[in-house]
Amino acid sequence: MNKAELVNAIAQKADITKAQAAAALDQFVSSITQSLRAGGKVTLVGFGTFSVVSRGPRTGRNPRDNKPIKIAAKKVAKFKPGKKLADDVNGKGGKKKK
């Protein structure tokens, strides 16, 4: 599913216009991005957690000539799915434990 398909699905299910759905999705992404830039994390219970982790510097290999290259340290975005999302993806959602 790409962004246009997601906007269409949101618009249909929420009974709003595509423009309203696109604006809501853009604000959602923007809000998560701002929180991560500030060093925070965003937790959506049942869906998952967006966070930022630091990757240390490391040595890699140039695929053209196989010579070692230095890769600088950087921060990367990370997403950890929540239990409900993981269960739903694996076909385990909706089953009740006895």
PDB file of N, CA and C in Angstrom:
ATOM      1  N   MET A   1       0.855  -1.177   0.000  1.00  0.00           N
ATOM      2  CA  MET A   1       0.000   0.000   0.000  1.00  0.00           C
ATOM      3  C   MET A   1       0.897   1.234   0.000  1.00  0.00           C
ATOM      4  N   ASN A   2       0.637   2.133  -0.926  1.00  0.00           N
ATOM      5  CA  ASN A   2       1.389   3.381  -0.953  1.00  0.00           C
ATOM      6  C   ASN A   2       0.565   4.487  -0.277  1.00  0.00           C
ATOM      7  N   LYS A   3       1.120   5.698  -0.265  1.00  0.00           N
ATOM      8  CA  LYS A   3       0.459   6.804   0.443  1.00  0.00           C
ATOM      9  C   LYS A   3      -0.920   7.115  -0.144  1.00  0.00           C
ATOM     10  N   ALA A   4      -1.041   7.138  -1.460  1.00  0.00           N
ATOM     11  CA  ALA A   4      -2.327   7.451  -2.089  1.00  0.00           C
ATOM     12  C   ALA A   4      -3.385   6.410  -1.722  1.00  0.00           C
ATOM     13  N   GLU A   5      -2.992   5.149  -1.710  1.00  0.00           N
ATOM     14  CA  GLU A   5      -3.925   4.084  -1.334  1.00  0.00           C
ATOM     15  C   GLU A   5      -4.329   4.192   0.130  1.00  0.00           C
ATOM     16  N   LEU A   6      -3.369   4.560   0.981  1.00  0.00           N
ATOM     17  CA  LEU A   6      -3.670   4.745   2.399  1.00  0.00           C
ATOM     18  C   LEU A   6      -4.623   5.914   2.603  1.00  0.00           C
ATOM     19  N   VAL A   7      -4.386   7.004   1.894  1.00  0.00           N
ATOM     20  CA  VAL A   7      -5.283   8.168   1.984  1.00  0.00           C
ATOM     21  C   VAL A   7      -6.692   7.776   1.549  1.00  0.00           C
ATOM     22  N   ASN A   8      -6.808   7.024   0.462  1.00  0.00           N
ATOM     23  CA  ASN A   8      -8.120   6.572  -0.004  1.00  0.00           C
ATOM     24  C   ASN A   8      -8.818   5.707   1.043  1.00  0.00           C
ATOM     25  N   ALA A   9      -8.075   4.783   1.647  1.00  0.00           N
ATOM     26  CA  ALA A   9      -8.656   3.897   2.659  1.00  0.00           C
ATOM     27  C   ALA A   9      -9.122   4.690   3.879  1.00  0.00           C
ATOM     28  N   ILE A  10      -8.314   5.651   4.318  1.00  0.00           N
ATOM     29  CA  ILE A  10      -8.687   6.477   5.480  1.00  0.00           C
ATOM     30  C   ILE A  10      -9.935   7.289   5.147  1.00  0.00           C
ATOM     31  N   ALA A  11      -9.956   7.886   3.966  1.00  0.00           N
ATOM     32  CA  ALA A  11     -11.101   8.708   3.557  1.00  0.00           C
ATOM     33  C   ALA A  11     -12.391   7.894   3.531  1.00  0.00           C
ATOM     34  N   GLN A  12     -12.327   6.696   2.979  1.00  0.00           N
ATOM     35  CA  GLN A  12     -13.518   5.851   2.904  1.00  0.00           C
ATOM     36  C   GLN A  12     -13.983   5.397   4.282  1.00  0.00           C
ATOM     37  N   LYS A  13     -13.062   4.914   5.094  1.00  0.00           N
ATOM     38  CA  LYS A  13     -13.437   4.354   6.402  1.00  0.00           C
ATOM     39  C   LYS A  13     -13.857   5.417   7.400  1.00  0.00           C
ATOM     40  N   ALA A  14     -13.301   6.625   7.284  1.00  0.00           N
ATOM     41  CA  ALA A  14     -13.646   7.705   8.210  1.00  0.00           C
ATOM     42  C   ALA A  14     -14.746   8.602   7.649  1.00  0.00           C
ATOM     43  N   ASP A  15     -15.180   8.317   6.415  1.00  0.00           N
ATOM     44  CA  ASP A  15     -16.209   9.105   5.743  1.00  0.00           C
ATOM     45  C   ASP A  15     -15.842  10.591   5.703  1.00  0.00           C
ATOM     46  N   ILE A  16     -14.607  10.845   5.227  1.00  0.00           N
ATOM     47  CA  ILE A  16     -14.114  12.212   5.045  1.00  0.00           C
ATOM     48  C   ILE A  16     -13.568  12.327   3.629  1.00  0.00           C
ATOM     49  N   THR A  17     -13.231  13.547   3.220  1.00  0.00           N
ATOM     50  CA  THR A  17     -12.688  13.735   1.876  1.00  0.00           C
ATOM     51  C   THR A  17     -11.246  13.250   1.813  1.00  0.00           C
ATOM     52  N   LYS A  18     -10.776  13.015   0.593  1.00  0.00           N
ATOM     53  CA  LYS A  18      -9.385  12.605   0.414  1.00  0.00           C
ATOM     54  C   LYS A  18      -8.439  13.705   0.870  1.00  0.00           C
ATOM     55  N   ALA A  19      -8.813  14.955   0.642  1.00  0.00           N
ATOM     56  CA  ALA A  19      -7.967  16.081   1.076  1.00  0.00           C
ATOM     57  C   ALA A  19      -7.846  16.106   2.599  1.00  0.00           C
ATOM     58  N   GLN A  20      -8.950  15.864   3.299  1.00  0.00           N
ATOM     59  CA  GLN A  20      -8.910  15.835   4.763  1.00  0.00           C
ATOM     60  C   GLN A  20      -8.072  14.648   5.255  1.00  0.00           C
ATOM     61  N   ALA A  21      -8.230  13.507   4.610  1.00  0.00           N
ATOM     62  CA  ALA A  21      -7.458  12.326   4.987  1.00  0.00           C
ATOM     63  C   ALA A  21      -5.963  12.555   4.749  1.00  0.00           C
ATOM     64  N   ALA A  22      -5.626  13.164   3.617  1.00  0.00           N
ATOM     65  CA  ALA A  22      -4.216  13.451   3.310  1.00  0.00           C
ATOM     66  C   ALA A  22      -3.629  14.425   4.319  1.00  0.00           C
ATOM     67  N   ALA A  23      -4.402  15.453   4.693  1.00  0.00           N
ATOM     68  CA  ALA A  23      -3.925  16.428   5.682  1.00  0.00           C
ATOM     69  C   ALA A  23      -3.719  15.758   7.040  1.00  0.00           C
ATOM     70  N   ALA A  24      -4.636  14.888   7.430  1.00  0.00           N
ATOM     71  CA  ALA A  24      -4.508  14.187   8.711  1.00  0.00           C
ATOM     72  C   ALA A  24      -3.280  13.276   8.715  1.00  0.00           C
ATOM     73  N   LEU A  25      -3.072  12.553   7.621  1.00  0.00           N
ATOM     74  CA  LEU A  25      -1.908  11.662   7.523  1.00  0.00           C
ATOM     75  C   LEU A  25      -0.607  12.462   7.552  1.00  0.00           C
ATOM     76  N   ASP A  26      -0.566  13.573   6.828  1.00  0.00           N
ATOM     77  CA  ASP A  26       0.625  14.427   6.823  1.00  0.00           C
ATOM     78  C   ASP A  26       0.930  14.954   8.223  1.00  0.00           C
ATOM     79  N   GLN A  27      -0.096  15.358   8.965  1.00  0.00           N
ATOM     80  CA  GLN A  27       0.100  15.850  10.330  1.00  0.00           C
ATOM     81  C   GLN A  27       0.550  14.737  11.265  1.00  0.00           C
ATOM     82  N   PHE A  28       0.033  13.547  11.074  1.00  0.00           N
ATOM     83  CA  PHE A  28       0.439  12.387  11.858  1.00  0.00           C
ATOM     84  C   PHE A  28       1.937  12.130  11.687  1.00  0.00           C
ATOM     85  N   VAL A  29       2.370  12.061  10.435  1.00  0.00           N
ATOM     86  CA  VAL A  29       3.782  11.813  10.133  1.00  0.00           C
ATOM     87  C   VAL A  29       4.653  12.958  10.652  1.00  0.00           C
ATOM     88  N   SER A  30       4.202  14.193  10.471  1.00  0.00           N
ATOM     89  CA  SER A  30       4.952  15.359  10.928  1.00  0.00           C
ATOM     90  C   SER A  30       5.110  15.358  12.448  1.00  0.00           C
ATOM     91  N   SER A  31       4.052  15.018  13.151  1.00  0.00           N
ATOM     92  CA  SER A  31       4.102  15.000  14.616  1.00  0.00           C
ATOM     93  C   SER A  31       5.069  13.936  15.122  1.00  0.00           C
ATOM     94  N   ILE A  32       5.059  12.772  14.510  1.00  0.00           N
ATOM     95  CA  ILE A  32       5.993  11.713  14.898  1.00  0.00           C
ATOM     96  C   ILE A  32       7.420  12.150  14.611  1.00  0.00           C
ATOM     97  N   THR A  33       7.647  12.747  13.440  1.00  0.00           N
ATOM     98  CA  THR A  33       8.983  13.213  13.062  1.00  0.00           C
ATOM     99  C   THR A  33       9.505  14.250  14.049  1.00  0.00           C
ATOM    100  N   GLN A  34       8.675  15.215  14.426  1.00  0.00           N
ATOM    101  CA  GLN A  34       9.094  16.251  15.378  1.00  0.00           C
ATOM    102  C   GLN A  34       9.452  15.648  16.728  1.00  0.00           C
ATOM    103  N   SER A  35       8.664  14.701  17.194  1.00  0.00           N
ATOM    104  CA  SER A  35       8.947  14.063  18.478  1.00  0.00           C
ATOM    105  C   SER A  35      10.270  13.299  18.430  1.00  0.00           C
ATOM    106  N   LEU A  36      10.511  12.589  17.335  1.00  0.00           N
ATOM    107  CA  LEU A  36      11.758  11.834  17.212  1.00  0.00           C
ATOM    108  C   LEU A  36      12.960  12.762  17.096  1.00  0.00           C
ATOM    109  N   ARG A  37      12.816  13.866  16.381  1.00  0.00           N
ATOM    110  CA  ARG A  37      13.912  14.843  16.276  1.00  0.00           C
ATOM    111  C   ARG A  37      14.283  15.412  17.632  1.00  0.00           C
ATOM    112  N   ALA A  38      13.277  15.570  18.494  1.00  0.00           N
ATOM    113  CA  ALA A  38      13.506  16.121  19.828  1.00  0.00           C
ATOM    114  C   ALA A  38      14.051  15.065  20.786  1.00  0.00           C
ATOM    115  N   GLY A  39      14.238  13.836  20.291  1.00  0.00           N
ATOM    116  CA  GLY A  39      14.802  12.782  21.129  1.00  0.00           C
ATOM    117  C   GLY A  39      13.757  11.969  21.875  1.00  0.00           C
ATOM    118  N   GLY A  40      12.491  12.221  21.610  1.00  0.00           N
ATOM    119  CA  GLY A  40      11.429  11.491  22.288  1.00  0.00           C
ATOM    120  C   GLY A  40      11.069  10.210  21.563  1.00  0.00           C
ATOM    121  N   LYS A  41      10.032   9.566  22.067  1.00  0.00           N
ATOM    122  CA  LYS A  41       9.509   8.397  21.381  1.00  0.00           C
ATOM    123  C   LYS A  41       7.996   8.492  21.357  1.00  0.00           C
ATOM    124  N   VAL A  42       7.388   7.801  20.421  1.00  0.00           N
ATOM    125  CA  VAL A  42       5.939   7.833  20.253  1.00  0.00           C
ATOM    126  C   VAL A  42       5.426   6.410  20.409  1.00  0.00           C
ATOM    127  N   THR A  43       4.539   6.201  21.379  1.00  0.00           N
ATOM    128  CA  THR A  43       3.976   4.886  21.630  1.00  0.00           C
ATOM    129  C   THR A  43       2.484   4.905  21.332  1.00  0.00           C
ATOM    130  N   LEU A  44       2.064   4.036  20.446  1.00  0.00           N
ATOM    131  CA  LEU A  44       0.652   3.859  20.123  1.00  0.00           C
ATOM    132  C   LEU A  44       0.288   2.461  20.626  1.00  0.00           C
ATOM    133  N   VAL A  45      -0.387   2.400  21.759  1.00  0.00           N
ATOM    134  CA  VAL A  45      -0.690   1.132  22.412  1.00  0.00           C
ATOM    135  C   VAL A  45      -1.422   0.210  21.440  1.00  0.00           C
ATOM    136  N   GLY A  46      -0.935  -1.008  21.322  1.00  0.00           N
ATOM    137  CA  GLY A  46      -1.516  -1.991  20.419  1.00  0.00           C
ATOM    138  C   GLY A  46      -0.938  -1.934  19.015  1.00  0.00           C
ATOM    139  N   PHE A  47      -0.339  -0.813  18.644  1.00  0.00           N
ATOM    140  CA  PHE A  47       0.237  -0.674  17.305  1.00  0.00           C
ATOM    141  C   PHE A  47       1.750  -0.812  17.349  1.00  0.00           C
ATOM    142  N   GLY A  48       2.417   0.038  18.154  1.00  0.00           N
ATOM    143  CA  GLY A  48       3.866  -0.047  18.246  1.00  0.00           C
ATOM    144  C   GLY A  48       4.490   1.237  18.753  1.00  0.00           C
ATOM    145  N   THR A  49       5.821   1.237  18.778  1.00  0.00           N
ATOM    146  CA  THR A  49       6.581   2.368  19.299  1.00  0.00           C
ATOM    147  C   THR A  49       7.618   2.824  18.286  1.00  0.00           C
ATOM    148  N   PHE A  50       7.612   4.125  18.006  1.00  0.00           N
ATOM    149  CA  PHE A  50       8.632   4.753  17.180  1.00  0.00           C
ATOM    150  C   PHE A  50       9.671   5.346  18.126  1.00  0.00           C
ATOM    151  N   SER A  51      10.957   5.129  17.856  1.00  0.00           N
ATOM    152  CA  SER A  51      12.006   5.693  18.703  1.00  0.00           C
ATOM    153  C   SER A  51      13.234   5.987  17.846  1.00  0.00           C
ATOM    154  N   VAL A  52      14.229   6.605  18.478  1.00  0.00           N
ATOM    155  CA  VAL A  52      15.489   6.909  17.809  1.00  0.00           C
ATOM    156  C   VAL A  52      16.598   6.170  18.541  1.00  0.00           C
ATOM    157  N   VAL A  53      17.458   5.516  17.785  1.00  0.00           N
ATOM    158  CA  VAL A  53      18.609   4.835  18.374  1.00  0.00           C
ATOM    159  C   VAL A  53      19.873   5.369  17.708  1.00  0.00           C
ATOM    160  N   SER A  54      20.975   5.338  18.452  1.00  0.00           N
ATOM    161  CA  SER A  54      22.257   5.788  17.917  1.00  0.00           C
ATOM    162  C   SER A  54      23.043   4.596  17.405  1.00  0.00           C
ATOM    163  N   ARG A  55      23.551   4.721  16.209  1.00  0.00           N
ATOM    164  CA  ARG A  55      24.435   3.712  15.635  1.00  0.00           C
ATOM    165  C   ARG A  55      25.851   4.229  15.730  1.00  0.00           C
ATOM    166  N   GLY A  56      26.715   3.443  16.274  1.00  0.00           N
ATOM    167  CA  GLY A  56      28.107   3.845  16.408  1.00  0.00           C
ATOM    168  C   GLY A  56      28.844   3.804  15.080  1.00  0.00           C
ATOM    169  N   PRO A  57      30.023   4.415  15.052  1.00  0.00           N
ATOM    170  CA  PRO A  57      30.818   4.367  13.823  1.00  0.00           C
ATOM    171  C   PRO A  57      31.280   2.935  13.560  1.00  0.00           C
ATOM    172  N   ARG A  58      31.421   2.591  12.295  1.00  0.00           N
ATOM    173  CA  ARG A  58      31.855   1.242  11.970  1.00  0.00           C
ATOM    174  C   ARG A  58      32.606   1.249  10.646  1.00  0.00           C
ATOM    175  N   THR A  59      33.233   0.132  10.354  1.00  0.00           N
ATOM    176  CA  THR A  59      33.959  -0.012   9.098  1.00  0.00           C
ATOM    177  C   THR A  59      33.136  -0.874   8.165  1.00  0.00           C
ATOM    178  N   GLY A  60      32.968  -0.410   6.949  1.00  0.00           N
ATOM    179  CA  GLY A  60      32.252  -1.166   5.929  1.00  0.00           C
ATOM    180  C   GLY A  60      33.167  -1.444   4.756  1.00  0.00           C
ATOM    181  N   ARG A  61      32.609  -1.978   3.693  1.00  0.00           N
ATOM    182  CA  ARG A  61      33.383  -2.289   2.496  1.00  0.00           C
ATOM    183  C   ARG A  61      32.745  -1.624   1.289  1.00  0.00           C
ATOM    184  N   ASN A  62      33.583  -1.001   0.459  1.00  0.00           N
ATOM    185  CA  ASN A  62      33.120  -0.423  -0.793  1.00  0.00           C
ATOM    186  C   ASN A  62      32.832  -1.586  -1.747  1.00  0.00           C
ATOM    187  N   PRO A  63      31.596  -1.722  -2.235  1.00  0.00           N
ATOM    188  CA  PRO A  63      31.289  -2.865  -3.090  1.00  0.00           C
ATOM    189  C   PRO A  63      32.009  -2.851  -4.444  1.00  0.00           C
ATOM    190  N   ARG A  64      32.470  -1.696  -4.894  1.00  0.00           N
ATOM    191  CA  ARG A  64      33.169  -1.633  -6.184  1.00  0.00           C
ATOM    192  C   ARG A  64      34.568  -2.225  -6.121  1.00  0.00           C
ATOM    193  N   ASP A  65      35.331  -1.826  -5.078  1.00  0.00           N
ATOM    194  CA  ASP A  65      36.717  -2.271  -5.020  1.00  0.00           C
ATOM    195  C   ASP A  65      37.043  -3.074  -3.767  1.00  0.00           C
ATOM    196  N   ASN A  66      36.034  -3.319  -2.923  1.00  0.00           N
ATOM    197  CA  ASN A  66      36.176  -4.129  -1.716  1.00  0.00           C
ATOM    198  C   ASN A  66      37.134  -3.529  -0.684  1.00  0.00           C
ATOM    199  N   LYS A  67      37.447  -2.223  -0.827  1.00  0.00           N
ATOM    200  CA  LYS A  67      38.325  -1.569   0.142  1.00  0.00           C
ATOM    201  C   LYS A  67      37.505  -1.132   1.356  1.00  0.00           C
ATOM    202  N   PRO A  68      38.101  -1.135   2.543  1.00  0.00           N
ATOM    203  CA  PRO A  68      37.367  -0.708   3.735  1.00  0.00           C
ATOM    204  C   PRO A  68      37.071   0.794   3.704  1.00  0.00           C
ATOM    205  N   ILE A  69      35.902   1.160   4.192  1.00  0.00           N
ATOM    206  CA  ILE A  69      35.520   2.563   4.316  1.00  0.00           C
ATOM    207  C   ILE A  69      34.978   2.790   5.720  1.00  0.00           C
ATOM    208  N   LYS A  70      35.137   4.026   6.197  1.00  0.00           N
ATOM    209  CA  LYS A  70      34.619   4.371   7.518  1.00  0.00           C
ATOM    210  C   LYS A  70      33.191   4.878   7.368  1.00  0.00           C
ATOM    211  N   ILE A  71      32.292   4.328   8.180  1.00  0.00           N
ATOM    212  CA  ILE A  71      30.901   4.769   8.195  1.00  0.00           C
ATOM    213  C   ILE A  71      30.690   5.527   9.505  1.00  0.00           C
ATOM    214  N   ALA A  72      30.284   6.784   9.390  1.00  0.00           N
ATOM    215  CA  ALA A  72      30.141   7.655  10.560  1.00  0.00           C
ATOM    216  C   ALA A  72      28.969   7.216  11.446  1.00  0.00           C
ATOM    217  N   ALA A  73      29.034   7.624  12.702  1.00  0.00           N
ATOM    218  CA  ALA A  73      27.938   7.377  13.634  1.00  0.00           C
ATOM    219  C   ALA A  73      26.738   8.212  13.209  1.00  0.00           C
ATOM    220  N   LYS A  74      25.549   7.695  13.474  1.00  0.00           N
ATOM    221  CA  LYS A  74      24.350   8.463  13.149  1.00  0.00           C
ATOM    222  C   LYS A  74      23.176   7.969  13.980  1.00  0.00           C
ATOM    223  N   LYS A  75      22.129   8.769  13.981  1.00  0.00           N
ATOM    224  CA  LYS A  75      20.886   8.395  14.644  1.00  0.00           C
ATOM    225  C   LYS A  75      19.941   7.845  13.582  1.00  0.00           C
ATOM    226  N   VAL A  76      19.211   6.793  13.927  1.00  0.00           N
ATOM    227  CA  VAL A  76      18.257   6.205  12.991  1.00  0.00           C
ATOM    228  C   VAL A  76      16.913   6.000  13.670  1.00  0.00           C
ATOM    229  N   ALA A  77      15.850   6.093  12.892  1.00  0.00           N
ATOM    230  CA  ALA A  77      14.508   5.842  13.405  1.00  0.00           C
ATOM    231  C   ALA A  77      14.291   4.339  13.495  1.00  0.00           C
ATOM    232  N   LYS A  78      13.542   3.943  14.521  1.00  0.00           N
ATOM    233  CA  LYS A  78      13.279   2.533  14.751  1.00  0.00           C
ATOM    234  C   LYS A  78      11.797   2.370  15.061  1.00  0.00           C
ATOM    235  N   PHE A  79      11.209   1.271  14.622  1.00  0.00           N
ATOM    236  CA  PHE A  79       9.816   0.957  14.939  1.00  0.00           C
ATOM    237  C   PHE A  79       9.753  -0.442  15.511  1.00  0.00           C
ATOM    238  N   LYS A  80       9.127  -0.555  16.676  1.00  0.00           N
ATOM    239  CA  LYS A  80       8.930  -1.863  17.293  1.00  0.00           C
ATOM    240  C   LYS A  80       7.428  -2.119  17.343  1.00  0.00           C
ATOM    241  N   PRO A  81       6.956  -3.128  16.611  1.00  0.00           N
ATOM    242  CA  PRO A  81       5.520  -3.388  16.609  1.00  0.00           C
ATOM    243  C   PRO A  81       5.021  -3.833  17.979  1.00  0.00           C
ATOM    244  N   GLY A  82       3.793  -3.434  18.292  1.00  0.00           N
ATOM    245  CA  GLY A  82       3.156  -3.857  19.531  1.00  0.00           C
ATOM    246  C   GLY A  82       2.647  -5.281  19.401  1.00  0.00           C
ATOM    247  N   LYS A  83       2.301  -5.886  20.520  1.00  0.00           N
ATOM    248  CA  LYS A  83       1.849  -7.268  20.540  1.00  0.00           C
ATOM    249  C   LYS A  83       0.607  -7.472  19.676  1.00  0.00           C
ATOM    250  N   LYS A  84      -0.359  -6.573  19.772  1.00  0.00           N
ATOM    251  CA  LYS A  84      -1.597  -6.729  19.000  1.00  0.00           C
ATOM    252  C   LYS A  84      -1.310  -6.702  17.506  1.00  0.00           C
ATOM    253  N   LEU A  85      -0.473  -5.777  17.048  1.00  0.00           N
ATOM    254  CA  LEU A  85      -0.124  -5.701  15.628  1.00  0.00           C
ATOM    255  C   LEU A  85       0.597  -6.974  15.194  1.00  0.00           C
ATOM    256  N   ALA A  86       1.559  -7.420  15.990  1.00  0.00           N
ATOM    257  CA  ALA A  86       2.308  -8.628  15.656  1.00  0.00           C
ATOM    258  C   ALA A  86       1.380  -9.835  15.581  1.00  0.00           C
ATOM    259  N   ASP A  87       0.461  -9.946  16.532  1.00  0.00           N
ATOM    260  CA  ASP A  87      -0.491 -11.055  16.523  1.00  0.00           C
ATOM    261  C   ASP A  87      -1.413 -10.984  15.312  1.00  0.00           C
ATOM    262  N   ASP A  88      -1.894  -9.782  14.984  1.00  0.00           N
ATOM    263  CA  ASP A  88      -2.784  -9.619  13.834  1.00  0.00           C
ATOM    264  C   ASP A  88      -2.078  -9.983  12.528  1.00  0.00           C
ATOM    265  N   VAL A  89      -0.824  -9.589  12.390  1.00  0.00           N
ATOM    266  CA  VAL A  89      -0.056  -9.888  11.184  1.00  0.00           C
ATOM    267  C   VAL A  89       0.185 -11.395  11.060  1.00  0.00           C
ATOM    268  N   ASN A  90       0.386 -12.040  12.198  1.00  0.00           N
ATOM    269  CA  ASN A  90       0.647 -13.478  12.201  1.00  0.00           C
ATOM    270  C   ASN A  90      -0.628 -14.317  12.215  1.00  0.00           C
ATOM    271  N   GLY A  91      -1.790 -13.678  12.098  1.00  0.00           N
ATOM    272  CA  GLY A  91      -3.039 -14.409  12.053  1.00  0.00           C
ATOM    273  C   GLY A  91      -3.521 -14.901  13.405  1.00  0.00           C
ATOM    274  N   LYS A  92      -2.980 -14.344  14.475  1.00  0.00           N
ATOM    275  CA  LYS A  92      -3.355 -14.783  15.813  1.00  0.00           C
ATOM    276  C   LYS A  92      -4.344 -13.818  16.473  1.00  0.00           C
ATOM    277  N   GLY A  93      -4.659 -12.714  15.811  1.00  0.00           N
ATOM    278  CA  GLY A  93      -5.548 -11.703  16.386  1.00  0.00           C
ATOM    279  C   GLY A  93      -6.957 -12.222  16.551  1.00  0.00           C
ATOM    280  N   GLY A  94      -7.617 -11.767  17.590  1.00  0.00           N
ATOM    281  CA  GLY A  94      -9.002 -12.107  17.823  1.00  0.00           C
ATOM    282  C   GLY A  94      -9.218 -13.390  18.599  1.00  0.00           C
ATOM    283  N   LYS A  95      -8.188 -14.140  18.807  1.00  0.00           N
ATOM    284  CA  LYS A  95      -8.334 -15.370  19.577  1.00  0.00           C
ATOM    285  C   LYS A  95      -8.188 -15.062  21.061  1.00  0.00           C
ATOM    286  N   LYS A  96      -9.099 -15.557  21.834  1.00  0.00           N
ATOM    287  CA  LYS A  96      -9.070 -15.319  23.274  1.00  0.00           C
ATOM    288  C   LYS A  96      -8.411 -16.499  23.978  1.00  0.00           C
ATOM    289  N   LYS A  97      -7.619 -16.180  24.990  1.00  0.00           N
ATOM    290  CA  LYS A  97      -6.988 -17.226  25.794  1.00  0.00           C
ATOM    291  C   LYS A  97      -7.969 -17.691  26.858  1.00  0.00           C
ATOM    292  N   LYS A  98      -7.948 -18.968  27.146  1.00  0.00           N
ATOM    293  CA  LYS A  98      -8.819 -19.507  28.201  1.00  0.00           C
ATOM    294  C   LYS A  98      -8.029 -19.825  29.423  1.00  0.00           C
TER     295      LYS A  98
END
